[in-house]
Amino acid sequence: MENVPINAINQNSVNRRNKNKRLKPKHLFLSIVMIAVIFLISICVLFFYRTSTGANIEDDKYQAVFFTNGQVYFGKLHTLNGEYMKMTDIFYLQTKTDTASTNPQATASDKTSDVQLIKLGDEVHGPEDQMTISKDQILFFENLKKDGKVSSSITSYLKQNK
């Protein structure tokens, strides 16, 4: 058996330890790269989801669109591009309150309240029957049933006013 100096044995151990230490930064780097790739993929998926807001719009139905400012409009919603939606055949609800009596002490039970569906375009400023809406301003939208009150009212109005 050969005599190996103790320094050589210790040097061997140190080399192995250094070799292991060199692998760790490589693994750490790969781990960081993998985390970054997963993060980027997640951002891309969220971006795609955000830009595909119009994926559930049913073209043959009307939509109720709920805005961040509390307003609700009804009509045909279309995807314009990644940032904007377009709405046509636009209507909104307006409450009409009539006093049943001219008595100033009339109570709320003496009043009747009707909700009316108003066509956009008859306002003082005369807007066109079209809106371009930032997707950031839309909370959510719903496809309306064809036989629902709002859809039926819109269809009747459009047939009468062609």
Protein backbone atom coordinates (compact mmCIF):
# COMPACT_ATOMS: atom_id res chain seq x y z
CA MET A 1 0.00 0.00 0.00
CA GLU A 2 1.17 3.38 -0.88
CA ASN A 3 1.66 6.02 1.69
CA VAL A 4 -0.43 9.02 0.85
CA PRO A 5 0.38 12.14 2.67
CA ILE A 6 -2.33 13.49 4.95
CA ASN A 7 -2.26 16.81 3.12
CA ALA A 8 -3.26 15.05 -0.11
CA ILE A 9 -6.22 13.38 1.59
CA ASN A 10 -7.32 16.69 3.08
CA GLN A 11 -6.89 18.35 -0.33
CA ASN A 12 -9.08 15.62 -1.88
CA SER A 13 -11.84 16.31 0.67
CA VAL A 14 -11.60 20.03 0.08
CA ASN A 15 -11.85 19.50 -3.70
CA ARG A 16 -14.99 17.39 -3.28
CA ARG A 17 -16.57 19.99 -1.01
CA ASN A 18 -15.73 22.75 -3.48
CA LYS A 19 -17.16 20.66 -6.31
CA ASN A 20 -20.44 20.30 -4.35
CA LYS A 21 -20.47 24.03 -3.66
CA ARG A 22 -20.04 24.75 -7.35
CA LEU A 23 -23.11 22.65 -8.17
CA LYS A 24 -25.30 24.47 -5.70
CA PRO A 25 -25.10 27.87 -7.44
CA LYS A 26 -25.89 26.14 -10.72
CA HIS A 27 -28.98 24.54 -9.17
CA LEU A 28 -29.91 27.82 -7.53
CA PHE A 29 -29.62 29.61 -10.88
CA LEU A 30 -31.81 26.98 -12.56
CA SER A 31 -34.35 27.28 -9.76
CA ILE A 32 -34.49 31.04 -10.16
CA VAL A 33 -34.88 30.69 -13.92
CA MET A 34 -37.72 28.17 -13.46
CA ILE A 35 -39.50 30.46 -11.00
CA ALA A 36 -39.12 33.39 -13.40
CA VAL A 37 -40.51 31.30 -16.28
CA ILE A 38 -43.51 30.20 -14.18
CA PHE A 39 -44.09 33.83 -13.15
CA LEU A 40 -43.97 35.01 -16.78
CA ILE A 41 -46.34 32.25 -17.90
CA SER A 42 -48.76 33.24 -15.11
CA ILE A 43 -48.67 36.88 -16.22
CA CYS A 44 -49.27 35.84 -19.84
CA VAL A 45 -52.25 33.69 -18.82
CA LEU A 46 -53.73 36.57 -16.77
CA PHE A 47 -53.17 38.99 -19.66
CA PHE A 48 -54.82 36.59 -22.10
CA TYR A 49 -57.76 36.11 -19.72
CA ARG A 50 -58.13 39.87 -19.35
CA THR A 51 -58.09 40.50 -23.10
CA SER A 52 -60.57 37.72 -23.80
CA THR A 53 -63.41 39.36 -21.86
CA GLY A 54 -65.73 38.97 -24.82
CA ALA A 55 -65.35 35.21 -25.02
CA ASN A 56 -68.75 34.55 -23.40
CA ILE A 57 -70.78 37.13 -25.32
CA GLU A 58 -73.63 35.41 -27.11
CA ASP A 59 -74.17 37.35 -30.36
CA ASP A 60 -77.82 36.39 -30.68
CA LYS A 61 -78.71 37.82 -27.25
CA TYR A 62 -78.68 41.21 -25.58
CA GLN A 63 -76.32 41.90 -22.70
CA ALA A 64 -76.63 43.81 -19.43
CA VAL A 65 -73.35 45.64 -18.81
CA PHE A 66 -72.53 46.72 -15.26
CA PHE A 67 -70.05 49.59 -14.97
CA THR A 68 -67.68 50.52 -12.16
CA ASN A 69 -69.62 53.79 -11.60
CA GLY A 70 -72.87 51.91 -10.85
CA GLN A 71 -74.55 52.45 -14.21
CA VAL A 72 -76.14 49.57 -16.11
CA TYR A 73 -76.75 49.60 -19.86
CA PHE A 74 -78.52 47.02 -22.02
CA GLY A 75 -77.75 46.26 -25.65
CA LYS A 76 -75.47 44.35 -27.98
CA LEU A 77 -71.91 44.05 -26.68
CA HIS A 78 -68.98 43.32 -28.99
CA THR A 79 -65.23 42.97 -28.47
CA LEU A 80 -63.49 45.81 -30.27
CA ASN A 81 -59.87 45.03 -29.34
CA GLY A 82 -57.78 44.12 -26.30
CA GLU A 83 -58.67 47.30 -24.41
CA TYR A 84 -62.13 48.31 -25.62
CA MET A 85 -65.63 46.94 -26.07
CA LYS A 86 -68.33 48.34 -28.34
CA MET A 87 -72.03 48.49 -27.46
CA THR A 88 -74.94 49.15 -29.83
CA ASP A 89 -78.76 49.17 -29.53
CA ILE A 90 -78.25 50.79 -26.13
CA PHE A 91 -80.95 51.20 -23.48
CA TYR A 92 -80.92 52.06 -19.79
CA LEU A 93 -83.42 51.98 -16.95
CA GLN A 94 -84.97 55.11 -15.53
CA THR A 95 -87.32 55.32 -12.58
CA LYS A 96 -90.38 57.49 -13.10
CA THR A 97 -92.07 58.49 -9.87
CA ASP A 98 -95.54 60.09 -9.89
CA THR A 99 -97.21 61.55 -6.85
CA ALA A 100 -100.69 60.10 -6.46
CA SER A 101 -101.78 63.21 -4.65
CA THR A 102 -100.85 66.88 -4.81
CA ASN A 103 -100.86 66.86 -1.02
CA PRO A 104 -97.38 67.92 0.21
CA GLN A 105 -97.72 65.49 3.09
CA ALA A 106 -98.11 62.48 0.80
CA THR A 107 -96.20 59.46 2.01
CA ALA A 108 -94.13 57.00 0.02
CA SER A 109 -97.09 54.61 -0.02
CA ASP A 110 -99.10 57.28 -1.87
CA LYS A 111 -96.60 57.29 -4.76
CA THR A 112 -96.38 54.82 -7.60
CA SER A 113 -93.03 53.94 -9.12
CA ASP A 114 -92.51 52.73 -12.66
CA VAL A 115 -89.26 51.64 -14.24
CA GLN A 116 -88.91 52.59 -17.87
CA LEU A 117 -86.48 51.33 -20.47
CA ILE A 118 -85.06 54.41 -22.22
CA LYS A 119 -83.39 54.34 -25.64
CA LEU A 120 -79.99 56.03 -25.74
CA GLY A 121 -79.97 58.91 -28.21
CA ASP A 122 -82.95 60.97 -27.11
CA GLU A 123 -80.91 62.89 -24.53
CA VAL A 124 -80.18 66.62 -24.84
CA HIS A 125 -76.63 66.07 -26.12
CA GLY A 126 -77.90 63.69 -28.85
CA PRO A 127 -75.49 60.76 -28.61
CA GLU A 128 -75.28 58.14 -31.34
CA ASP A 129 -76.52 54.64 -30.60
CA GLN A 130 -73.01 53.36 -30.03
CA MET A 131 -70.55 53.36 -27.13
CA THR A 132 -66.87 52.56 -27.05
CA ILE A 133 -66.13 51.32 -23.53
CA SER A 134 -62.80 50.74 -21.83
CA LYS A 135 -62.72 47.20 -20.43
CA ASP A 136 -61.38 48.69 -17.19
CA GLN A 137 -64.77 50.38 -16.66
CA ILE A 138 -66.77 47.12 -16.94
CA LEU A 139 -67.34 45.15 -13.74
CA PHE A 140 -69.15 42.32 -15.51
CA PHE A 141 -71.80 41.61 -18.11
CA GLU A 142 -74.64 39.13 -18.39
CA ASN A 143 -76.26 37.59 -21.44
CA LEU A 144 -80.00 38.23 -21.20
CA LYS A 145 -82.67 35.63 -21.91
CA LYS A 146 -84.47 36.24 -25.19
CA ASP A 147 -87.85 36.00 -23.47
CA GLY A 148 -86.90 38.27 -20.56
CA LYS A 149 -88.66 41.61 -20.02
CA VAL A 150 -85.69 43.74 -21.08
CA SER A 151 -84.90 41.72 -24.22
CA SER A 152 -88.58 41.62 -25.23
CA SER A 153 -88.94 45.39 -24.70
CA ILE A 154 -85.82 46.13 -26.76
CA THR A 155 -86.98 43.84 -29.59
CA SER A 156 -90.46 45.46 -29.62
CA TYR A 157 -88.99 48.97 -29.62
CA LEU A 158 -86.60 48.20 -32.48
CA LYS A 159 -89.40 46.61 -34.59
CA GLN A 160 -91.64 49.64 -34.09
CA ASN A 161 -88.93 52.18 -34.86
CA LYS A 162 -87.22 50.73 -37.91
